[in-house]
Structures are given as structure tokens and as C-alpha cells.
């Protein structure tokens, strides 16, 4: 499994731009979404969401562009598929 992480400020700004969420509500919505994702992940895997040790690949997307992240993930998936 893979996990893509980013800082709350970056994610809040992105939510405002991409989803037209009002700035004053964006952080709350992002945090609620995180909690929902964490609960879902923990329910189905019995693992802690966001803990790097539970993933094969972790990527901090604040350090790369979206296109670079796609390239990194694509290369990783291609590499894994060729070694199975």
C-alpha cells in the first residue's frame, strides 16, 4: 500500500482552490476528511492510518509537484509489477 502525505496548510489551500471550499471552513473539512479516512483504514486493516511502517511507499507531496508525484508512483508500481 502507498501513503501520500502533505502539510495541513498546503492541503487546506489545495481544498480551497480545487473544491471551492470557503477558506474559513477548509481546515475543518480537511481534518474531518482525515479522521474519516483514518477510521475507514483502521476498521478494515486494524492498522494505524498514516504510520509509515504500515506502507510500502510513503511520499510527502509538498516536496514535489503533482506531475512528479504521479511519475514517482507510476515508476514504483511499474517496478513492483515487474518483480512479482
C-alpha atoms as a PDB file:
ATOM      1  CA  UNK A   1       0.000   0.000   0.000  1.00  0.00           C
ATOM      2  CA  UNK A   2       1.009   3.599  -0.524  1.00  0.00           C
ATOM      3  CA  UNK A   3       0.561   6.719   1.585  1.00  0.00           C
ATOM      4  CA  UNK A   4       0.805  10.282   0.317  1.00  0.00           C
ATOM      5  CA  UNK A   5       1.227  12.922   2.999  1.00  0.00           C
ATOM      6  CA  UNK A   6       1.191  16.676   2.949  1.00  0.00           C
ATOM      7  CA  UNK A   7       1.131  19.526   5.450  1.00  0.00           C
ATOM      8  CA  UNK A   8      -2.223  20.901   6.620  1.00  0.00           C
ATOM      9  CA  UNK A   9      -1.600  24.404   5.220  1.00  0.00           C
ATOM     10  CA  UNK A  10      -0.840  23.039   1.760  1.00  0.00           C
ATOM     11  CA  UNK A  11      -3.825  20.689   1.851  1.00  0.00           C
ATOM     12  CA  UNK A  12      -6.185  23.410   3.069  1.00  0.00           C
ATOM     13  CA  UNK A  13      -5.046  25.760   0.306  1.00  0.00           C
ATOM     14  CA  UNK A  14      -5.488  22.993  -2.256  1.00  0.00           C
ATOM     15  CA  UNK A  15      -9.011  22.228  -0.977  1.00  0.00           C
ATOM     16  CA  UNK A  16      -9.959  25.893  -1.387  1.00  0.00           C
ATOM     17  CA  UNK A  17      -8.587  26.050  -4.935  1.00  0.00           C
ATOM     18  CA  UNK A  18      -9.753  22.669  -6.248  1.00  0.00           C
ATOM     19  CA  UNK A  19     -13.062  22.228  -4.474  1.00  0.00           C
ATOM     20  CA  UNK A  20     -14.133  25.854  -3.902  1.00  0.00           C
ATOM     21  CA  UNK A  21     -14.350  25.291  -0.151  1.00  0.00           C
ATOM     22  CA  UNK A  22     -14.574  28.564   1.801  1.00  0.00           C
ATOM     23  CA  UNK A  23     -11.218  29.424   3.392  1.00  0.00           C
ATOM     24  CA  UNK A  24     -12.711  29.726   6.859  1.00  0.00           C
ATOM     25  CA  UNK A  25     -14.056  26.144   6.667  1.00  0.00           C
ATOM     26  CA  UNK A  26     -11.302  24.421   4.701  1.00  0.00           C
ATOM     27  CA  UNK A  27      -9.079  23.317   7.589  1.00  0.00           C
ATOM     28  CA  UNK A  28     -12.029  21.860   9.493  1.00  0.00           C
ATOM     29  CA  UNK A  29     -13.198  19.961   6.405  1.00  0.00           C
ATOM     30  CA  UNK A  30      -9.702  18.640   5.658  1.00  0.00           C
ATOM     31  CA  UNK A  31      -9.270  17.455   9.257  1.00  0.00           C
ATOM     32  CA  UNK A  32     -12.713  15.787   9.270  1.00  0.00           C
ATOM     33  CA  UNK A  33     -11.867  14.071   5.989  1.00  0.00           C
ATOM     34  CA  UNK A  34      -8.611  12.836   7.518  1.00  0.00           C
ATOM     35  CA  UNK A  35     -10.492  11.441  10.507  1.00  0.00           C
ATOM     36  CA  UNK A  36     -12.962   9.660   8.224  1.00  0.00           C
ATOM     37  CA  UNK A  37     -10.105   8.169   6.186  1.00  0.00           C
ATOM     38  CA  UNK A  38      -8.265   7.102   9.326  1.00  0.00           C
ATOM     39  CA  UNK A  39     -11.354   5.404  10.755  1.00  0.00           C
ATOM     40  CA  UNK A  40     -12.037   3.606   7.469  1.00  0.00           C
ATOM     41  CA  UNK A  41      -8.422   2.450   7.150  1.00  0.00           C
ATOM     42  CA  UNK A  42      -8.224   1.304  10.766  1.00  0.00           C
ATOM     43  CA  UNK A  43     -11.555  -0.523  10.582  1.00  0.00           C
ATOM     44  CA  UNK A  44     -10.596  -2.538   7.503  1.00  0.00           C
ATOM     45  CA  UNK A  45      -6.893  -3.102   8.196  1.00  0.00           C
ATOM     46  CA  UNK A  46      -6.652  -2.920  12.009  1.00  0.00           C
ATOM     47  CA  UNK A  47      -3.585  -0.739  11.425  1.00  0.00           C
ATOM     48  CA  UNK A  48      -2.914   2.900  12.264  1.00  0.00           C
ATOM     49  CA  UNK A  49      -3.556   5.239   9.309  1.00  0.00           C
ATOM     50  CA  UNK A  50      -0.595   7.461   8.473  1.00  0.00           C
ATOM     51  CA  UNK A  51       2.029   5.374  10.301  1.00  0.00           C
ATOM     52  CA  UNK A  52       4.861   4.982   7.776  1.00  0.00           C
ATOM     53  CA  UNK A  53       5.681   1.448   8.897  1.00  0.00           C
ATOM     54  CA  UNK A  54       2.313   0.251   7.592  1.00  0.00           C
ATOM     55  CA  UNK A  55       3.038   1.226   3.990  1.00  0.00           C
ATOM     56  CA  UNK A  56       5.365   0.039   1.245  1.00  0.00           C
ATOM     57  CA  UNK A  57       5.856   3.593  -0.009  1.00  0.00           C
ATOM     58  CA  UNK A  58       5.351   6.996   1.622  1.00  0.00           C
ATOM     59  CA  UNK A  59       5.546  10.269  -0.266  1.00  0.00           C
ATOM     60  CA  UNK A  60       5.467  13.809   1.103  1.00  0.00           C
ATOM     61  CA  UNK A  61       3.728  15.536  -1.775  1.00  0.00           C
ATOM     62  CA  UNK A  62       4.647  19.020  -0.541  1.00  0.00           C
ATOM     63  CA  UNK A  63       8.174  18.359  -1.804  1.00  0.00           C
ATOM     64  CA  UNK A  64       7.180  17.563  -5.408  1.00  0.00           C
ATOM     65  CA  UNK A  65       4.659  18.693  -7.996  1.00  0.00           C
ATOM     66  CA  UNK A  66       1.555  16.630  -8.743  1.00  0.00           C
ATOM     67  CA  UNK A  67       3.161  15.519 -12.003  1.00  0.00           C
ATOM     68  CA  UNK A  68       6.342  14.438 -10.184  1.00  0.00           C
ATOM     69  CA  UNK A  69       4.275  12.532  -7.612  1.00  0.00           C
ATOM     70  CA  UNK A  70       2.450  10.725 -10.427  1.00  0.00           C
ATOM     71  CA  UNK A  71       5.801   9.826 -12.029  1.00  0.00           C
ATOM     72  CA  UNK A  72       7.207   8.553  -8.723  1.00  0.00           C
ATOM     73  CA  UNK A  73       4.125   6.434  -8.020  1.00  0.00           C
ATOM     74  CA  UNK A  74       3.959   5.146 -11.604  1.00  0.00           C
ATOM     75  CA  UNK A  75       7.623   4.142 -11.537  1.00  0.00           C
ATOM     76  CA  UNK A  76       7.157   2.430  -8.189  1.00  0.00           C
ATOM     77  CA  UNK A  77       4.113   0.486  -9.383  1.00  0.00           C
ATOM     78  CA  UNK A  78       5.886  -0.477 -12.618  1.00  0.00           C
ATOM     79  CA  UNK A  79       8.900  -1.701 -10.623  1.00  0.00           C
ATOM     80  CA  UNK A  80       6.740  -3.737  -8.236  1.00  0.00           C
ATOM     81  CA  UNK A  81       4.707  -5.291 -11.067  1.00  0.00           C
ATOM     82  CA  UNK A  82       7.893  -6.404 -12.805  1.00  0.00           C
ATOM     83  CA  UNK A  83       9.224  -8.112  -9.675  1.00  0.00           C
ATOM     84  CA  UNK A  84       6.134 -10.103  -8.708  1.00  0.00           C
END
